[in-house]
N, C-alpha and C. Protein backbone atom coordinates (compact mmCIF):
# COMPACT_ATOMS: atom_id res chain seq x y z
N MET A 1 205.17 12.30 105.63
CA MET A 1 203.78 12.62 105.24
C MET A 1 202.86 11.87 106.20
N ASN A 2 201.85 12.57 106.73
CA ASN A 2 200.92 11.90 107.68
C ASN A 2 199.78 11.23 106.93
N PHE A 3 198.96 10.50 107.66
CA PHE A 3 197.88 9.70 107.10
C PHE A 3 196.88 10.61 106.34
N PHE A 4 196.57 11.77 106.92
CA PHE A 4 195.65 12.69 106.23
C PHE A 4 196.21 13.12 104.90
N ALA A 5 197.46 13.56 104.87
CA ALA A 5 198.08 14.06 103.64
C ALA A 5 198.23 12.93 102.60
N GLU A 6 198.38 11.71 103.04
CA GLU A 6 198.48 10.60 102.11
C GLU A 6 197.14 10.35 101.42
N ASN A 7 196.05 10.66 102.08
CA ASN A 7 194.72 10.32 101.58
C ASN A 7 193.93 11.51 101.04
N TYR A 8 194.27 12.73 101.45
CA TYR A 8 193.48 13.91 101.08
C TYR A 8 194.38 15.01 100.55
N ASP A 9 193.88 15.71 99.59
CA ASP A 9 194.56 16.90 99.05
C ASP A 9 193.82 18.13 99.50
N LEU A 10 194.47 18.97 100.32
CA LEU A 10 193.82 20.19 100.82
C LEU A 10 193.70 21.26 99.78
N ARG A 11 192.59 21.96 99.77
CA ARG A 11 192.32 23.06 98.84
C ARG A 11 192.05 24.35 99.63
N GLU A 12 191.20 25.17 99.13
CA GLU A 12 190.99 26.51 99.71
C GLU A 12 190.25 26.49 101.07
N GLU A 13 190.44 27.58 101.77
CA GLU A 13 189.78 27.74 103.08
C GLU A 13 188.30 28.06 102.86
N LEU A 14 187.46 27.38 103.63
CA LEU A 14 186.01 27.63 103.55
C LEU A 14 185.50 28.45 104.71
N GLY A 15 186.17 28.33 105.84
CA GLY A 15 185.75 29.07 107.06
C GLY A 15 186.78 28.91 108.15
N LYS A 16 186.59 29.74 109.16
CA LYS A 16 187.55 29.75 110.25
C LYS A 16 186.79 30.03 111.53
N GLY A 17 187.12 29.32 112.59
CA GLY A 17 186.57 29.53 113.91
C GLY A 17 187.66 29.86 114.91
N ALA A 18 187.25 29.93 116.18
CA ALA A 18 188.22 30.27 117.21
C ALA A 18 189.30 29.19 117.38
N PHE A 19 188.96 27.94 117.11
CA PHE A 19 189.90 26.86 117.41
C PHE A 19 190.25 26.02 116.16
N SER A 20 189.60 26.30 115.03
CA SER A 20 189.81 25.45 113.88
C SER A 20 189.66 26.23 112.58
N ILE A 21 190.03 25.57 111.52
CA ILE A 21 189.86 26.11 110.18
C ILE A 21 189.24 24.99 109.34
N VAL A 22 188.36 25.37 108.41
CA VAL A 22 187.72 24.40 107.54
C VAL A 22 188.20 24.63 106.15
N ARG A 23 188.67 23.58 105.48
CA ARG A 23 189.15 23.68 104.12
C ARG A 23 188.54 22.60 103.26
N ARG A 24 188.31 22.93 102.03
CA ARG A 24 187.84 21.93 101.04
C ARG A 24 189.01 20.96 100.83
N CYS A 25 188.68 19.67 100.72
CA CYS A 25 189.73 18.70 100.41
C CYS A 25 189.16 17.64 99.44
N ILE A 26 190.04 16.96 98.77
CA ILE A 26 189.70 15.93 97.81
C ILE A 26 190.36 14.65 98.20
N HIS A 27 189.57 13.59 98.27
CA HIS A 27 190.08 12.26 98.59
C HIS A 27 190.90 11.81 97.39
N ARG A 28 192.14 11.45 97.60
CA ARG A 28 193.06 11.16 96.49
C ARG A 28 192.63 10.01 95.59
N SER A 29 192.10 8.93 96.18
CA SER A 29 191.76 7.74 95.37
C SER A 29 190.37 7.88 94.71
N THR A 30 189.37 8.43 95.45
CA THR A 30 188.03 8.51 94.91
C THR A 30 187.74 9.82 94.19
N LYS A 31 188.56 10.86 94.42
CA LYS A 31 188.39 12.18 93.84
C LYS A 31 187.13 12.89 94.39
N LYS A 32 186.55 12.35 95.44
CA LYS A 32 185.35 12.95 96.03
C LYS A 32 185.75 14.16 96.90
N GLU A 33 184.93 15.23 96.87
CA GLU A 33 185.21 16.44 97.63
C GLU A 33 184.59 16.33 99.04
N PHE A 34 185.30 16.85 100.03
CA PHE A 34 184.85 16.89 101.40
C PHE A 34 185.22 18.24 102.02
N ALA A 35 184.77 18.46 103.24
CA ALA A 35 185.19 19.59 104.05
C ALA A 35 185.99 19.06 105.21
N ALA A 36 187.22 19.54 105.40
CA ALA A 36 188.06 19.09 106.51
C ALA A 36 188.13 20.17 107.57
N LYS A 37 187.67 19.82 108.78
CA LYS A 37 187.80 20.71 109.93
C LYS A 37 189.17 20.35 110.57
N ILE A 38 190.07 21.33 110.58
CA ILE A 38 191.45 21.09 111.00
C ILE A 38 191.66 21.82 112.33
N ILE A 39 191.93 21.05 113.37
CA ILE A 39 192.13 21.59 114.73
C ILE A 39 193.57 21.46 115.10
N ASN A 40 194.18 22.56 115.49
CA ASN A 40 195.59 22.58 115.89
C ASN A 40 195.72 21.98 117.33
N THR A 41 196.35 20.83 117.44
CA THR A 41 196.41 20.14 118.72
C THR A 41 197.48 20.76 119.64
N LYS A 42 198.28 21.68 119.15
CA LYS A 42 199.26 22.35 120.00
C LYS A 42 198.53 23.22 121.03
N ARG A 43 197.29 23.58 120.68
CA ARG A 43 196.53 24.45 121.58
C ARG A 43 195.62 23.67 122.53
N LEU A 44 195.75 22.35 122.55
CA LEU A 44 194.92 21.54 123.41
C LEU A 44 195.25 21.77 124.88
N SER A 45 194.27 21.57 125.70
CA SER A 45 194.35 21.79 127.16
C SER A 45 194.70 23.25 127.43
N VAL A 46 194.15 24.11 126.60
CA VAL A 46 194.39 25.52 126.75
C VAL A 46 193.13 26.13 127.34
N ARG A 47 193.31 27.06 128.30
CA ARG A 47 192.20 27.79 128.87
C ARG A 47 192.39 29.22 128.44
N GLY A 48 191.31 29.88 128.15
CA GLY A 48 191.45 31.27 127.77
C GLY A 48 190.12 31.95 127.61
N GLU A 49 190.14 33.09 126.99
CA GLU A 49 188.95 33.89 126.79
C GLU A 49 189.07 34.57 125.45
N ILE A 50 188.02 34.49 124.66
CA ILE A 50 187.98 35.16 123.36
C ILE A 50 186.81 36.11 123.31
N ASN A 51 186.89 37.05 122.35
CA ASN A 51 185.81 37.98 122.18
C ASN A 51 185.05 37.64 120.91
N ILE A 52 183.75 37.31 121.05
CA ILE A 52 182.93 36.95 119.89
C ILE A 52 181.77 37.93 119.90
N ASP A 53 181.76 38.76 118.85
CA ASP A 53 180.71 39.78 118.69
C ASP A 53 180.50 40.64 119.94
N GLY A 54 181.58 40.99 120.55
CA GLY A 54 181.49 41.87 121.75
C GLY A 54 181.26 41.14 123.06
N TYR A 55 181.13 39.85 123.02
CA TYR A 55 180.95 39.05 124.26
C TYR A 55 182.20 38.31 124.57
N LYS A 56 182.58 38.33 125.86
CA LYS A 56 183.77 37.55 126.28
C LYS A 56 183.32 36.16 126.53
N VAL A 57 183.97 35.18 125.92
CA VAL A 57 183.61 33.74 126.03
C VAL A 57 184.82 33.02 126.56
N LYS A 58 184.62 32.33 127.72
CA LYS A 58 185.70 31.52 128.27
C LYS A 58 185.68 30.16 127.58
N TYR A 59 186.87 29.55 127.39
CA TYR A 59 186.90 28.27 126.74
C TYR A 59 187.95 27.39 127.39
N ILE A 60 187.74 26.11 127.21
CA ILE A 60 188.74 25.07 127.54
C ILE A 60 188.76 24.13 126.32
N LEU A 61 189.88 23.97 125.72
CA LEU A 61 190.02 23.12 124.57
C LEU A 61 190.90 21.96 124.96
N ASP A 62 190.39 20.74 124.84
CA ASP A 62 191.22 19.61 125.12
C ASP A 62 190.85 18.45 124.21
N ARG A 63 191.72 17.45 124.18
CA ARG A 63 191.58 16.33 123.27
C ARG A 63 190.30 15.56 123.52
N ALA A 64 189.88 15.45 124.78
CA ALA A 64 188.64 14.73 125.12
C ALA A 64 187.44 15.37 124.44
N LYS A 65 187.41 16.68 124.37
CA LYS A 65 186.29 17.33 123.68
C LYS A 65 186.27 17.09 122.20
N ILE A 66 187.46 17.02 121.59
CA ILE A 66 187.53 16.73 120.16
C ILE A 66 187.09 15.30 119.91
N ASP A 67 187.57 14.40 120.73
CA ASP A 67 187.18 12.97 120.61
C ASP A 67 185.64 12.80 120.78
N ARG A 68 185.08 13.55 121.71
CA ARG A 68 183.64 13.50 121.94
C ARG A 68 182.89 14.05 120.73
N GLU A 69 183.35 15.13 120.15
CA GLU A 69 182.69 15.70 118.96
C GLU A 69 182.71 14.67 117.83
N ALA A 70 183.85 14.01 117.62
CA ALA A 70 183.95 13.00 116.57
C ALA A 70 183.01 11.80 116.84
N ARG A 71 182.97 11.39 118.09
CA ARG A 71 182.11 10.24 118.47
C ARG A 71 180.63 10.58 118.23
N ILE A 72 180.22 11.78 118.60
CA ILE A 72 178.82 12.18 118.44
C ILE A 72 178.51 12.33 116.95
N CYS A 73 179.40 12.93 116.19
CA CYS A 73 179.18 13.10 114.74
C CYS A 73 179.08 11.74 114.03
N ARG A 74 179.84 10.78 114.47
CA ARG A 74 179.80 9.47 113.84
C ARG A 74 178.43 8.79 114.05
N GLN A 75 177.80 9.10 115.16
CA GLN A 75 176.47 8.47 115.50
C GLN A 75 175.31 9.15 114.72
N LEU A 76 175.48 10.34 114.25
CA LEU A 76 174.42 11.06 113.56
C LEU A 76 174.17 10.43 112.19
N ASN A 77 172.91 10.14 111.92
CA ASN A 77 172.56 9.53 110.63
C ASN A 77 171.20 10.06 110.20
N HIS A 78 171.20 11.12 109.46
CA HIS A 78 169.99 11.77 108.99
C HIS A 78 170.30 12.45 107.68
N PRO A 79 169.37 12.43 106.72
CA PRO A 79 169.64 13.05 105.41
C PRO A 79 169.91 14.56 105.47
N ASN A 80 169.47 15.22 106.50
CA ASN A 80 169.64 16.67 106.59
C ASN A 80 170.77 17.09 107.51
N ILE A 81 171.61 16.14 107.90
CA ILE A 81 172.75 16.43 108.78
C ILE A 81 174.02 15.95 108.06
N ILE A 82 175.05 16.81 108.05
CA ILE A 82 176.27 16.40 107.36
C ILE A 82 176.88 15.19 108.09
N LYS A 83 177.51 14.36 107.30
CA LYS A 83 178.07 13.11 107.83
C LYS A 83 179.58 13.25 108.02
N LEU A 84 180.05 12.69 109.12
CA LEU A 84 181.50 12.62 109.35
C LEU A 84 182.04 11.32 108.72
N TYR A 85 183.00 11.48 107.82
CA TYR A 85 183.54 10.32 107.11
C TYR A 85 184.85 9.82 107.72
N ASP A 86 185.61 10.71 108.29
CA ASP A 86 186.93 10.36 108.80
C ASP A 86 187.32 11.26 109.95
N ALA A 87 188.02 10.69 110.89
CA ALA A 87 188.63 11.44 111.99
C ALA A 87 190.05 10.98 112.14
N ILE A 88 191.00 11.87 111.81
CA ILE A 88 192.39 11.50 111.73
C ILE A 88 193.20 12.37 112.68
N GLN A 89 193.97 11.71 113.52
CA GLN A 89 194.84 12.44 114.46
C GLN A 89 196.27 12.41 113.90
N GLY A 90 196.81 13.62 113.63
CA GLY A 90 198.15 13.74 113.13
C GLY A 90 199.04 14.21 114.28
N ASP A 91 200.28 14.55 113.92
CA ASP A 91 201.27 14.98 114.93
C ASP A 91 200.80 16.29 115.60
N ASN A 92 200.42 17.28 114.81
CA ASN A 92 200.08 18.59 115.39
C ASN A 92 198.62 18.99 115.10
N PHE A 93 197.91 18.15 114.34
CA PHE A 93 196.56 18.54 113.94
C PHE A 93 195.61 17.33 114.06
N TYR A 94 194.33 17.64 114.29
CA TYR A 94 193.28 16.64 114.31
C TYR A 94 192.37 17.02 113.14
N TYR A 95 192.07 16.08 112.26
CA TYR A 95 191.30 16.32 111.06
C TYR A 95 189.94 15.63 111.15
N LEU A 96 188.86 16.38 111.00
CA LEU A 96 187.53 15.78 110.94
C LEU A 96 187.04 16.02 109.49
N VAL A 97 186.77 14.98 108.78
CA VAL A 97 186.36 15.04 107.36
C VAL A 97 184.90 14.85 107.20
N PHE A 98 184.18 15.90 106.79
CA PHE A 98 182.74 15.92 106.68
C PHE A 98 182.29 16.00 105.23
N ASP A 99 180.97 15.78 104.99
CA ASP A 99 180.37 16.10 103.72
C ASP A 99 180.66 17.56 103.38
N LEU A 100 180.85 17.82 102.13
CA LEU A 100 181.06 19.21 101.65
C LEU A 100 179.67 19.77 101.32
N VAL A 101 179.29 20.87 101.97
CA VAL A 101 178.00 21.52 101.69
C VAL A 101 178.29 22.87 101.11
N THR A 102 177.75 23.11 99.88
CA THR A 102 178.00 24.36 99.21
C THR A 102 176.74 25.22 99.31
N GLY A 103 176.88 26.46 98.97
CA GLY A 103 175.71 27.34 98.99
C GLY A 103 175.80 28.48 99.99
N GLY A 104 176.93 28.62 100.66
CA GLY A 104 177.13 29.72 101.58
C GLY A 104 176.70 29.42 103.02
N GLU A 105 176.72 30.45 103.81
CA GLU A 105 176.41 30.34 105.23
C GLU A 105 174.92 30.36 105.46
N LEU A 106 174.39 29.33 106.06
CA LEU A 106 172.95 29.25 106.34
C LEU A 106 172.51 30.35 107.32
N PHE A 107 173.32 30.63 108.32
CA PHE A 107 172.98 31.66 109.30
C PHE A 107 172.81 33.00 108.61
N GLU A 108 173.72 33.38 107.72
CA GLU A 108 173.66 34.67 107.04
C GLU A 108 172.39 34.74 106.16
N ASP A 109 172.02 33.63 105.55
CA ASP A 109 170.80 33.58 104.72
C ASP A 109 169.56 33.78 105.57
N ILE A 110 169.52 33.15 106.74
CA ILE A 110 168.36 33.28 107.61
C ILE A 110 168.26 34.70 108.14
N VAL A 111 169.37 35.31 108.59
CA VAL A 111 169.32 36.65 109.09
C VAL A 111 168.90 37.65 108.03
N ALA A 112 169.31 37.41 106.80
CA ALA A 112 169.01 38.34 105.71
C ALA A 112 167.50 38.32 105.30
N SER A 113 166.83 37.24 105.63
CA SER A 113 165.40 37.08 105.29
C SER A 113 164.50 37.59 106.42
N GLU A 114 163.41 38.30 106.04
CA GLU A 114 162.45 38.68 107.05
C GLU A 114 161.68 37.45 107.48
N PHE A 115 161.41 36.60 106.54
CA PHE A 115 160.61 35.38 106.80
C PHE A 115 161.31 34.20 106.19
N TYR A 116 161.46 33.14 106.94
CA TYR A 116 162.10 31.95 106.43
C TYR A 116 161.16 30.78 106.55
N SER A 117 160.53 30.41 105.43
CA SER A 117 159.52 29.37 105.43
C SER A 117 160.13 27.98 105.55
N GLU A 118 159.31 27.02 105.85
CA GLU A 118 159.78 25.63 105.93
C GLU A 118 160.27 25.15 104.57
N ILE A 119 159.60 25.61 103.50
CA ILE A 119 160.01 25.23 102.16
C ILE A 119 161.41 25.76 101.84
N ASN A 120 161.69 27.01 102.22
CA ASN A 120 163.01 27.59 102.04
C ASN A 120 164.08 26.88 102.88
N ALA A 121 163.66 26.39 104.03
CA ALA A 121 164.60 25.72 104.94
C ALA A 121 165.08 24.42 104.37
N ARG A 122 164.31 23.80 103.51
CA ARG A 122 164.71 22.52 102.90
C ARG A 122 165.76 22.76 101.88
């Protein structure tokens, strides 16, 4: 059992991207809920091209970029930005544990509205 599995219990999938999956997780000792971004490290240092909404996007995925993302997220400290609580490197996966934010996709909510006021944005 790896360090992540010893400390967190994975639950349902919340979202999926080109390089990662996000799942709800529960910290075993505190029972607090989080969102775990799980990145498959077998695909690191991979170059390729994916199709996103009809656009071809070239990518390079490597460990340095994941480390940089974790380092930047650790430095963010604002009440309106999700907080990174843990960054765990396992054998085949890299786990970034963030605040769990419920309420659906913000982007979809913005697109569905003709007008999005500052009050609604809060």
